[in-house]
Amino acid sequence: MTKMQRIKKILVGVLMLGCCALLVAEPEIGLYIVALILCVSMLTYGIRCLVLYFTMARHMVGGASILYKGIIVLDLAIFTLSMVDDPHLYIMLYLLGMHAFAGIMDILRAMEARRFGAPAWKQSLAAGIINLAVAISAVVAVLFLHSTADLVYLYAGCLFYSACTQFVSAFQKTAIVYIQ
């Protein structure tokens, strides 16, 4: 990892901590802030995918999947932005979908890494379990507790966890593989 990538990860982590503090300080308007954060992040990701497709990926094998991903994420972002008046259901669905999918993928990666004897399988398994716990907590907060404040605090906790992982990955030594 280059120095610029490390600085970028640290700045993203600081930005996430700032958003987390804002959400904890203002939980009443926090749901709208969460919806705005999700919309902006999905918009930037969708635009980045489209730019990647039109600049380079259209000449690659499987490049069409990047185009499809960019269009779908961009469409979801615009849809969420248009539904910001009643965001708690959509925020819950996004939190549930993102964390459930990430949790399942992390657990599958951990099982594969354990099979190959990689030492980092425990960290991946822990991340998968945390993501599944967040997905279940989002369902409980909205469906059973009917509390949007709990959903905002849950999202703030997710942002704090993501900021911590950004800091850890920024200060982690990168392994260099030498081929002889």
Protein backbone atom coordinates (compact mmCIF):
# COMPACT_ATOMS: atom_id res chain seq x y z
CA MET A 1 0.00 0.00 0.00
CA THR A 2 1.37 3.38 -0.96
CA LYS A 3 1.61 6.37 1.37
CA MET A 4 -1.19 8.12 -0.51
CA GLN A 5 -3.49 5.12 -0.04
CA ARG A 6 -2.67 5.09 3.68
CA ILE A 7 -3.46 8.81 3.96
CA LYS A 8 -6.72 8.26 2.07
CA LYS A 9 -7.75 5.47 4.44
CA ILE A 10 -6.96 7.63 7.47
CA LEU A 11 -8.99 10.56 6.07
CA VAL A 12 -11.93 8.26 5.30
CA GLY A 13 -11.73 6.90 8.85
CA VAL A 14 -11.74 10.41 10.33
CA LEU A 15 -14.72 11.34 8.13
CA MET A 16 -16.56 8.23 9.31
CA LEU A 17 -15.85 9.11 12.96
CA GLY A 18 -17.19 12.63 12.36
CA CYS A 19 -20.39 11.23 10.82
CA CYS A 20 -20.69 8.82 13.73
CA ALA A 21 -20.43 11.67 16.26
CA LEU A 22 -23.03 13.68 14.34
CA LEU A 23 -25.43 10.74 14.33
CA VAL A 24 -25.05 10.16 18.06
CA ALA A 25 -25.44 13.88 18.82
CA GLU A 26 -28.57 14.34 16.67
CA PRO A 27 -30.55 11.05 16.52
CA GLU A 28 -33.79 12.87 15.60
CA ILE A 29 -32.49 13.97 12.24
CA GLY A 30 -30.03 11.08 12.13
CA LEU A 31 -32.23 8.93 9.91
CA TYR A 32 -32.25 11.59 7.23
CA ILE A 33 -28.48 11.95 7.59
CA VAL A 34 -28.11 8.17 7.24
CA ALA A 35 -30.27 8.21 4.12
CA LEU A 36 -28.20 11.05 2.69
CA ILE A 37 -24.92 9.27 3.49
CA LEU A 38 -26.16 6.08 1.83
CA CYS A 39 -27.40 7.99 -1.22
CA VAL A 40 -24.18 9.92 -1.68
CA SER A 41 -22.01 6.84 -1.19
CA MET A 42 -24.09 4.81 -3.65
CA LEU A 43 -24.08 7.68 -6.15
CA THR A 44 -20.30 8.00 -6.02
CA TYR A 45 -19.82 4.23 -6.25
CA GLY A 46 -22.20 3.96 -9.21
CA ILE A 47 -20.53 6.84 -11.02
CA ARG A 48 -17.10 5.34 -10.33
CA CYS A 49 -18.23 2.02 -11.79
CA LEU A 50 -19.60 3.73 -14.90
CA VAL A 51 -16.42 5.77 -15.37
CA LEU A 52 -14.36 2.61 -14.94
CA TYR A 53 -16.47 0.84 -17.54
CA PHE A 54 -16.26 3.62 -20.13
CA THR A 55 -12.54 4.20 -19.63
CA MET A 56 -11.19 0.69 -19.30
CA ALA A 57 -13.56 -2.16 -18.40
CA ARG A 58 -15.40 -2.29 -21.72
CA HIS A 59 -12.24 -3.82 -23.18
CA MET A 60 -11.90 -6.38 -20.38
CA VAL A 61 -13.37 -9.83 -20.01
CA GLY A 62 -16.41 -9.48 -17.77
CA GLY A 63 -16.43 -5.71 -18.13
CA ALA A 64 -20.17 -5.68 -18.79
CA SER A 65 -20.77 -6.77 -15.19
CA ILE A 66 -19.15 -3.52 -14.03
CA LEU A 67 -21.54 -1.59 -16.27
CA TYR A 68 -24.54 -3.47 -14.86
CA LYS A 69 -23.36 -2.99 -11.29
CA GLY A 70 -22.87 0.74 -11.86
CA ILE A 71 -26.30 1.18 -13.40
CA ILE A 72 -28.07 -0.80 -10.65
CA VAL A 73 -26.29 1.02 -7.80
CA LEU A 74 -26.92 4.39 -9.44
CA ASP A 75 -30.60 3.50 -9.84
CA LEU A 76 -30.85 2.42 -6.19
CA ALA A 77 -29.22 5.68 -5.10
CA ILE A 78 -31.66 7.80 -7.09
CA PHE A 79 -34.59 5.72 -5.82
CA THR A 80 -33.46 6.14 -2.21
CA LEU A 81 -32.95 9.86 -2.69
CA SER A 82 -36.51 10.18 -4.00
CA MET A 83 -37.91 8.26 -1.01
CA VAL A 84 -36.10 10.25 1.69
CA ASP A 85 -39.43 11.41 3.23
CA ASP A 86 -40.03 7.98 4.83
CA PRO A 87 -36.52 6.53 5.06
CA HIS A 88 -36.65 4.11 7.99
CA LEU A 89 -37.89 1.13 5.97
CA TYR A 90 -35.40 1.69 3.18
CA ILE A 91 -32.50 2.29 5.55
CA MET A 92 -33.38 -0.92 7.36
CA LEU A 93 -33.55 -2.83 4.10
CA TYR A 94 -30.19 -1.47 2.95
CA LEU A 95 -28.56 -2.19 6.31
CA LEU A 96 -30.06 -5.65 6.35
CA GLY A 97 -29.07 -6.44 2.77
CA MET A 98 -25.55 -5.03 2.93
CA HIS A 99 -24.61 -6.56 6.26
CA ALA A 100 -26.28 -9.91 5.66
CA PHE A 101 -24.55 -10.31 2.29
CA ALA A 102 -21.20 -9.11 3.67
CA GLY A 103 -21.55 -11.43 6.67
CA ILE A 104 -22.30 -14.47 4.55
CA MET A 105 -19.43 -13.66 2.19
CA ASP A 106 -16.99 -13.14 5.08
CA ILE A 107 -17.98 -16.44 6.66
CA LEU A 108 -17.58 -18.27 3.35
CA ARG A 109 -14.17 -16.62 2.85
CA ALA A 110 -13.15 -17.64 6.37
CA MET A 111 -14.12 -21.25 5.72
CA GLU A 112 -12.14 -21.23 2.49
CA ALA A 113 -9.13 -19.60 4.16
CA ARG A 114 -9.24 -22.16 6.97
CA ARG A 115 -9.31 -24.96 4.42
CA PHE A 116 -6.19 -23.53 2.77
CA GLY A 117 -4.46 -22.96 6.11
CA ALA A 118 -4.37 -19.15 5.98
CA PRO A 119 -3.76 -17.56 9.39
CA ALA A 120 -6.29 -14.70 8.95
CA TRP A 121 -9.43 -16.86 8.81
CA LYS A 122 -10.42 -15.98 12.38
CA GLN A 123 -10.52 -12.27 11.61
CA SER A 124 -12.70 -12.87 8.57
CA LEU A 125 -15.03 -15.14 10.57
CA ALA A 126 -15.37 -12.50 13.30
CA ALA A 127 -16.20 -9.83 10.71
CA GLY A 128 -18.85 -12.11 9.19
CA ILE A 129 -20.46 -12.81 12.56
CA ILE A 130 -20.49 -9.07 13.38
CA ASN A 131 -22.13 -8.28 10.04
CA LEU A 132 -24.83 -10.91 10.56
CA ALA A 133 -25.44 -9.60 14.10
CA VAL A 134 -25.89 -6.07 12.70
CA ALA A 135 -28.39 -7.35 10.13
CA ILE A 136 -30.41 -9.14 12.80
CA SER A 137 -30.24 -6.07 15.07
CA ALA A 138 -31.58 -3.87 12.26
CA VAL A 139 -34.57 -6.17 11.82
CA VAL A 140 -35.23 -6.23 15.57
CA ALA A 141 -34.90 -2.43 15.89
CA VAL A 142 -37.43 -1.66 13.18
CA LEU A 143 -39.90 -4.54 13.24
CA PHE A 144 -40.14 -5.28 16.95
CA LEU A 145 -39.00 -2.16 18.78
CA HIS A 146 -40.36 0.36 16.23
CA SER A 147 -37.47 2.61 17.18
CA THR A 148 -35.80 4.76 14.60
CA ALA A 149 -33.36 6.11 17.20
CA ASP A 150 -32.06 2.58 17.78
CA LEU A 151 -31.58 2.22 14.03
CA VAL A 152 -29.58 5.47 13.97
CA TYR A 153 -27.42 4.28 16.88
CA LEU A 154 -26.92 0.95 15.12
CA TYR A 155 -25.77 2.73 11.97
CA ALA A 156 -23.48 4.95 14.06
CA GLY A 157 -21.98 1.81 15.59
CA CYS A 158 -21.45 0.38 12.10
CA LEU A 159 -19.71 3.59 11.04
CA PHE A 160 -17.50 3.44 14.13
CA TYR A 161 -16.59 -0.18 13.38
CA SER A 162 -15.84 0.69 9.75
CA ALA A 163 -13.69 3.63 10.83
CA CYS A 164 -11.72 1.37 13.16
CA THR A 165 -11.13 -1.14 10.37
CA GLN A 166 -9.97 1.72 8.11
CA PHE A 167 -7.42 2.78 10.74
CA VAL A 168 -6.24 -0.79 11.29
CA SER A 169 -5.80 -1.42 7.57
CA ALA A 170 -4.01 1.93 7.15
CA PHE A 171 -1.40 1.10 9.79
CA GLN A 172 -1.04 -2.58 8.91
CA LYS A 173 2.15 -3.70 7.25
CA THR A 174 1.66 -4.92 3.72
CA ALA A 175 3.02 -8.29 2.80
CA ILE A 176 5.33 -8.29 -0.18
CA VAL A 177 5.63 -11.49 -2.16
CA TYR A 178 8.98 -12.06 -3.85
CA ILE A 179 9.15 -14.43 -6.78
CA GLN A 180 12.50 -16.08 -7.28
